[in-house]
Amino acid sequence: MKEQKHSESLFPPRKSPQIWLTGAGGMLGRQLAEELDHRGVPFIGTDMEVDITDEKIVMNFMARHRFNWIINCAAYTAVDKAEDEPDAAMAVNGAAPEILGSAAALRGARVFHISTDYVFNGKSDTPYTEVDIPDAVSVYGRTKLSGESALLKACETAVVVRISWLYGVYGKNFVETMLNLMSEKEEIAVVADQLGAPTYAGLLARNIAAFVGGEALPAGIYHYQDKGRISWYGFAREIQRMGIAYGILTKKCRIMPVTAEEFKTAAKRPAFSVFNTGKIQRELNFSVKGWKENLKQYFEERKDLKK
């Protein structure tokens, strides 16, 4: 468990939030922990050592600390595996947010929760807004939707941010998978008929760290992703171009476009995952940048880590 403590004279409680960061060992959690630490924001980061699916453990943990925010980055993210493990997925994605919400409400704290584009069926042809009706088509999506609903009922001041296609310098993600496959193979197949936009964990973490804890932060559901829209195939082509430019790839692999029907997976993915991010920009003042700009920033960050 990572704990950051600072003097109350420098960081009075009303201006500097005491934060519990769950899922601190994950892709977004690690990035956010770095950002909070860099900004001098006091927080305690936990991962598997604090079981957030156990109500008694959560209540006891909350009783021992003075939190006014819980940032929940913990999730069961094995989308295909969830089809065979619905109970395990529901425990983390569905039950845990409700437990965290109940504990927060009891202690006068708030919850900032990360959700997903998988709550939608992907049949839209216009960017999803926060008032569009969810209709999840996978176990993963249904468990995340259940978690959203339960959290907002348990803690009416909670903030839910739906994101899509998350990638970052920590942990497994589409960008790293593509770079590995492109360096090993002469040809790869990538789905070309699923449209969306990626979410760069680095900028998302900076947005959260900059604005979470504000006493006037409006509650409710928000949509966030990088600006623009692209298919997985188009994203892969840009990953290859930048990979070569940054010297990570030494050869050009052939990228073949395929349909989702041809590229079978256990769980069904939304065919359309484009969000309207106007609300989060207006109300939470989140910065949204183009997906190509953020991908370049990712490669810069990756280069610095490899030094």
Protein backbone atom coordinates (compact mmCIF):
# COMPACT_ATOMS: atom_id res chain seq x y z
CA MET A 1 0.00 0.00 0.00
CA LYS A 2 1.42 3.35 -1.03
CA GLU A 3 0.77 6.29 1.23
CA GLN A 4 1.53 9.93 0.62
CA LYS A 5 1.31 12.30 3.61
CA HIS A 6 1.78 16.04 3.68
CA SER A 7 1.60 18.75 6.32
CA GLU A 8 -1.91 20.01 7.09
CA SER A 9 -0.54 23.56 7.21
CA LEU A 10 0.56 23.23 3.59
CA PHE A 11 -2.48 21.22 2.52
CA PRO A 12 -5.57 22.17 4.53
CA PRO A 13 -8.36 19.54 4.19
CA ARG A 14 -10.82 21.80 2.37
CA LYS A 15 -8.34 22.71 -0.37
CA SER A 16 -6.31 19.54 -0.73
CA PRO A 17 -8.30 16.30 -0.88
CA GLN A 18 -7.43 13.18 1.06
CA ILE A 19 -7.83 10.54 -1.63
CA TRP A 20 -8.14 6.76 -1.66
CA LEU A 21 -6.97 5.52 -5.05
CA THR A 22 -8.15 1.96 -5.76
CA GLY A 23 -6.62 -0.11 -8.54
CA ALA A 24 -3.36 1.80 -8.05
CA GLY A 25 -1.37 -1.02 -9.65
CA GLY A 26 -3.28 -0.91 -12.94
CA MET A 27 -2.66 1.05 -16.13
CA LEU A 28 -4.62 4.16 -15.21
CA GLY A 29 -4.03 3.74 -11.47
CA ARG A 30 -0.24 3.81 -11.81
CA GLN A 31 -0.40 6.83 -14.08
CA LEU A 32 -2.74 8.65 -11.70
CA ALA A 33 -0.62 7.79 -8.66
CA GLU A 34 2.40 9.36 -10.38
CA GLU A 35 0.39 12.45 -11.25
CA LEU A 36 -1.03 12.91 -7.75
CA ASP A 37 2.42 12.44 -6.26
CA HIS A 38 3.92 14.93 -8.71
CA ARG A 39 1.30 17.52 -7.72
CA GLY A 40 1.81 16.91 -4.00
CA VAL A 41 -1.78 15.72 -3.51
CA PRO A 42 -2.09 13.44 -0.45
CA PHE A 43 -3.44 10.00 -1.26
CA ILE A 44 -3.32 6.35 -0.33
CA GLY A 45 -3.11 3.92 -3.23
CA THR A 46 -4.19 0.30 -2.88
CA ASP A 47 -4.59 -2.66 -5.16
CA MET A 48 -5.29 -6.32 -4.37
CA GLU A 49 -4.24 -5.97 -0.71
CA VAL A 50 -7.52 -4.20 0.09
CA ASP A 51 -10.46 -6.26 -1.17
CA ILE A 52 -13.01 -3.71 -2.35
CA THR A 53 -15.56 -6.48 -2.97
CA ASP A 54 -15.76 -7.10 0.79
CA GLU A 55 -18.04 -4.57 2.50
CA LYS A 56 -16.59 -5.14 5.98
CA ILE A 57 -13.02 -4.60 4.77
CA VAL A 58 -13.98 -1.42 2.91
CA MET A 59 -15.92 0.00 5.86
CA ASN A 60 -13.04 -0.72 8.25
CA PHE A 61 -10.52 0.83 5.86
CA MET A 62 -12.64 3.95 5.49
CA ALA A 63 -13.04 4.18 9.28
CA ARG A 64 -9.24 4.25 9.72
CA HIS A 65 -8.62 7.08 7.26
CA ARG A 66 -10.03 10.53 6.60
CA PHE A 67 -10.88 10.43 2.91
CA ASN A 68 -13.06 12.90 1.11
CA TRP A 69 -12.59 11.24 -2.28
CA ILE A 70 -12.34 7.68 -3.55
CA ILE A 71 -11.00 7.39 -7.10
CA ASN A 72 -11.97 3.93 -8.29
CA CYS A 73 -9.66 2.70 -11.05
CA ALA A 74 -10.13 -0.97 -10.09
CA ALA A 75 -11.95 -3.15 -12.61
CA TYR A 76 -12.24 -6.65 -14.01
CA THR A 77 -11.10 -5.86 -17.57
CA ALA A 78 -10.69 -9.31 -19.16
CA VAL A 79 -13.57 -8.73 -21.58
CA ASP A 80 -13.58 -12.18 -23.20
CA LYS A 81 -12.81 -14.07 -19.99
CA ALA A 82 -15.77 -12.37 -18.32
CA GLU A 83 -18.10 -14.42 -20.55
CA ASP A 84 -16.97 -17.50 -18.60
CA GLU A 85 -16.52 -15.72 -15.26
CA PRO A 86 -19.61 -13.53 -14.84
CA ASP A 87 -19.61 -13.79 -11.04
CA ALA A 88 -15.98 -12.68 -10.76
CA ALA A 89 -16.61 -9.78 -13.15
CA MET A 90 -19.76 -8.74 -11.30
CA ALA A 91 -17.99 -8.76 -7.94
CA VAL A 92 -15.40 -6.19 -9.05
CA ASN A 93 -17.34 -4.24 -11.66
CA GLY A 94 -20.84 -4.40 -10.19
CA ALA A 95 -20.74 -4.97 -6.43
CA ALA A 96 -17.54 -3.11 -5.50
CA PRO A 97 -18.68 0.32 -6.78
CA GLU A 98 -21.85 0.04 -4.69
CA ILE A 99 -19.80 -0.90 -1.61
CA LEU A 100 -17.43 2.02 -2.18
CA GLY A 101 -20.39 4.34 -2.73
CA SER A 102 -22.11 3.25 0.47
CA ALA A 103 -18.91 3.67 2.48
CA ALA A 104 -18.28 7.10 0.96
CA ALA A 105 -21.83 8.29 1.65
CA LEU A 106 -21.57 7.13 5.25
CA ARG A 107 -18.33 9.08 5.74
CA GLY A 108 -19.31 12.19 3.79
CA ALA A 109 -16.90 11.40 0.96
CA ARG A 110 -17.37 11.28 -2.81
CA VAL A 111 -16.48 8.72 -5.49
CA PHE A 112 -14.85 9.26 -8.88
CA HIS A 113 -15.49 6.08 -10.86
CA ILE A 114 -14.15 4.92 -14.23
CA SER A 115 -16.59 3.14 -16.54
CA THR A 116 -16.65 2.14 -20.21
CA ASP A 117 -18.11 2.50 -23.69
CA TYR A 118 -19.18 -1.16 -23.41
CA VAL A 119 -22.35 -0.04 -21.62
CA PHE A 120 -23.68 0.77 -25.13
CA ASN A 121 -24.61 -1.67 -27.89
CA GLY A 122 -22.66 0.25 -30.54
CA LYS A 123 -25.57 0.53 -32.96
CA SER A 124 -25.58 4.33 -33.02
CA ASP A 125 -24.19 6.37 -35.90
CA THR A 126 -23.86 9.61 -33.93
CA PRO A 127 -21.58 10.22 -30.90
CA TYR A 128 -23.07 8.94 -27.66
CA THR A 129 -24.12 11.52 -25.10
CA GLU A 130 -24.74 11.01 -21.40
CA VAL A 131 -28.52 10.93 -21.93
CA ASP A 132 -28.42 8.06 -24.42
CA ILE A 133 -29.87 4.82 -23.05
CA PRO A 134 -27.25 2.14 -22.33
CA ASP A 135 -27.70 -1.36 -23.72
CA ALA A 136 -24.70 -3.57 -22.95
CA VAL A 137 -24.16 -6.62 -25.18
CA SER A 138 -21.44 -8.42 -23.19
CA VAL A 139 -20.98 -9.68 -19.64
CA TYR A 140 -18.26 -7.11 -19.12
CA GLY A 141 -20.51 -4.30 -20.32
CA ARG A 142 -23.45 -5.44 -18.22
CA THR A 143 -21.34 -5.67 -15.06
CA LYS A 144 -19.91 -2.19 -15.61
CA LEU A 145 -23.40 -0.80 -16.22
CA SER A 146 -24.62 -2.48 -13.05
CA GLY A 147 -21.76 -0.88 -11.13
CA GLU A 148 -22.59 2.58 -12.46
CA SER A 149 -26.24 2.31 -11.45
CA ALA A 150 -25.52 0.88 -8.01
CA LEU A 151 -22.87 3.50 -7.26
CA LEU A 152 -25.07 6.44 -8.22
CA LYS A 153 -27.88 5.09 -6.02
CA ALA A 154 -25.55 4.53 -3.07
CA CYS A 155 -23.71 7.85 -3.38
CA GLU A 156 -25.64 10.64 -5.07
CA THR A 157 -22.54 12.86 -5.24
CA ALA A 158 -20.55 10.28 -7.26
CA VAL A 159 -18.93 11.11 -10.60
CA VAL A 160 -18.90 8.40 -13.29
CA VAL A 161 -16.61 8.88 -16.29
CA ARG A 162 -17.02 6.52 -19.24
CA ILE A 163 -13.93 6.04 -21.39
CA SER A 164 -13.00 3.90 -24.40
CA TRP A 165 -9.99 2.06 -25.82
CA LEU A 166 -7.69 2.93 -22.90
CA TYR A 167 -3.95 2.71 -23.45
CA GLY A 168 -0.89 3.94 -21.58
CA VAL A 169 2.73 3.23 -20.76
CA TYR A 170 1.85 0.85 -17.91
CA GLY A 171 0.34 -2.59 -18.44
CA LYS A 172 -0.99 -4.44 -21.47
CA ASN A 173 -2.88 -2.45 -24.08
CA PHE A 174 -3.63 -2.32 -27.80
CA VAL A 175 -0.66 -0.12 -28.68
CA GLU A 176 1.90 -2.37 -27.02
CA THR A 177 0.23 -5.47 -28.45
CA MET A 178 0.43 -4.01 -31.95
CA LEU A 179 4.08 -3.01 -31.54
CA ASN A 180 4.97 -6.52 -30.38
CA LEU A 181 3.05 -8.24 -33.18
CA MET A 182 4.43 -5.89 -35.82
CA SER A 183 7.99 -6.60 -34.71
CA GLU A 184 7.44 -10.38 -34.78
CA LYS A 185 5.20 -11.01 -37.79
CA GLU A 186 5.14 -10.26 -41.50
CA GLU A 187 1.37 -9.81 -41.54
CA ILE A 188 -1.34 -9.14 -38.98
CA ALA A 189 -5.14 -8.77 -39.19
CA VAL A 190 -6.93 -5.89 -37.45
CA VAL A 191 -10.65 -5.17 -37.25
CA ALA A 192 -11.68 -2.35 -39.58
CA ASP A 193 -15.43 -2.10 -39.00
CA GLN A 194 -15.44 -1.01 -35.35
CA LEU A 195 -15.23 2.75 -35.01
CA GLY A 196 -14.30 4.74 -31.92
CA ALA A 197 -11.56 6.80 -30.34
CA PRO A 198 -8.73 5.83 -27.98
CA THR A 199 -8.20 7.24 -24.50
CA TYR A 200 -4.62 8.09 -23.55
CA ALA A 201 -4.13 7.33 -19.86
CA GLY A 202 -1.52 10.06 -19.45
CA LEU A 203 -3.82 12.96 -20.26
CA LEU A 204 -6.78 11.38 -18.47
CA ALA A 205 -4.68 11.07 -15.30
CA ARG A 206 -3.66 14.72 -15.53
CA ASN A 207 -7.28 15.75 -15.97
CA ILE A 208 -8.43 13.75 -12.95
CA ALA A 209 -5.59 14.94 -10.73
CA ALA A 210 -6.18 18.56 -11.68
CA PHE A 211 -9.89 18.68 -10.98
CA VAL A 212 -10.90 15.94 -8.55
CA GLY A 213 -11.62 17.22 -5.08
CA GLY A 214 -13.23 20.47 -6.10
CA GLU A 215 -16.13 21.09 -3.75
CA ALA A 216 -18.35 22.33 -6.58
CA LEU A 217 -17.53 19.41 -8.90
CA PRO A 218 -20.90 18.37 -10.38
CA ALA A 219 -22.02 14.77 -9.85
CA GLY A 220 -23.35 12.44 -12.53
CA ILE A 221 -22.20 10.66 -15.69
CA TYR A 222 -19.62 12.03 -18.15
CA HIS A 223 -18.06 10.82 -21.41
CA TYR A 224 -14.35 11.17 -22.13
CA GLN A 225 -12.01 10.04 -24.92
CA ASP A 226 -9.47 11.56 -27.28
CA LYS A 227 -10.77 13.85 -30.02
CA GLY A 228 -11.58 12.34 -33.40
CA ARG A 229 -12.68 8.92 -34.59
CA ILE A 230 -10.83 5.98 -36.09
CA SER A 231 -11.15 2.23 -36.62
CA TRP A 232 -8.88 -0.27 -34.89
CA TYR A 233 -7.29 -0.82 -38.31
CA GLY A 234 -6.64 2.89 -38.78
CA PHE A 235 -5.28 3.13 -35.25
CA ALA A 236 -2.92 0.22 -35.94
CA ARG A 237 -1.61 1.89 -39.10
CA GLU A 238 -0.77 5.06 -37.17
CA ILE A 239 0.86 3.02 -34.39
CA GLN A 240 3.07 1.41 -37.04
CA ARG A 241 3.96 4.75 -38.62
CA MET A 242 4.98 6.26 -35.28
CA GLY A 243 6.69 3.04 -34.19
CA ILE A 244 8.95 3.26 -37.23
CA ALA A 245 9.51 7.00 -36.75
CA TYR A 246 10.60 6.44 -33.14
CA GLY A 247 12.89 3.55 -34.07
CA ILE A 248 10.84 0.97 -32.16
CA LEU A 249 9.95 -0.93 -35.33
CA THR A 250 12.70 -1.75 -37.82
CA LYS A 251 10.50 -3.27 -40.53
CA LYS A 252 7.09 -2.68 -42.02
CA CYS A 253 4.55 -5.39 -41.28
CA ARG A 254 1.55 -5.83 -43.60
CA ILE A 255 -1.68 -4.84 -41.82
CA MET A 256 -4.77 -6.55 -43.23
CA PRO A 257 -8.24 -5.08 -42.56
CA VAL A 258 -10.84 -7.64 -41.45
CA THR A 259 -14.41 -7.49 -40.19
CA ALA A 260 -15.44 -8.20 -36.62
CA GLU A 261 -17.32 -11.19 -37.98
CA GLU A 262 -14.09 -12.58 -39.40
CA PHE A 263 -12.14 -11.81 -36.20
CA LYS A 264 -14.18 -13.84 -33.74
CA THR A 265 -14.01 -13.08 -30.01
CA ALA A 266 -15.89 -14.59 -27.08
CA ALA A 267 -17.45 -11.25 -26.14
CA LYS A 268 -19.25 -8.96 -28.55
CA ARG A 269 -17.71 -5.50 -28.95
CA PRO A 270 -19.61 -2.29 -29.75
CA ALA A 271 -19.29 -1.47 -33.45
CA PHE A 272 -19.46 2.26 -32.66
CA SER A 273 -17.77 3.79 -29.60
CA VAL A 274 -17.60 7.49 -30.36
CA PHE A 275 -18.47 9.84 -27.49
CA ASN A 276 -19.67 13.41 -27.37
CA THR A 277 -17.28 14.92 -24.80
CA GLY A 278 -18.85 18.37 -24.62
CA LYS A 279 -20.30 17.91 -21.14
CA ILE A 280 -17.04 16.91 -19.44
CA GLN A 281 -15.21 19.79 -21.10
CA ARG A 282 -17.84 22.32 -20.01
CA GLU A 283 -18.60 21.11 -16.50
CA LEU A 284 -15.35 19.51 -15.32
CA ASN A 285 -13.02 21.56 -17.53
CA PHE A 286 -11.33 18.39 -18.80
CA SER A 287 -8.81 18.92 -21.58
CA VAL A 288 -9.50 16.84 -24.72
CA LYS A 289 -6.81 16.51 -27.38
CA GLY A 290 -6.67 14.76 -30.74
CA TRP A 291 -5.93 11.05 -30.70
CA LYS A 292 -2.88 11.45 -32.96
CA GLU A 293 -1.43 14.15 -30.71
CA ASN A 294 -1.93 11.94 -27.67
CA LEU A 295 -0.44 8.91 -29.42
CA LYS A 296 2.69 10.95 -30.13
CA GLN A 297 2.81 11.97 -26.45
CA TYR A 298 2.55 8.29 -25.53
CA PHE A 299 5.59 7.46 -27.66
CA GLU A 300 7.50 10.33 -26.05
CA GLU A 301 6.57 9.09 -22.59
CA ARG A 302 7.46 5.52 -23.55
CA LYS A 303 10.86 6.70 -24.82
CA ASP A 304 11.58 8.47 -21.53
CA LEU A 305 10.68 5.33 -19.54
CA LYS A 306 13.03 3.18 -21.63
CA LYS A 307 16.03 5.43 -20.89
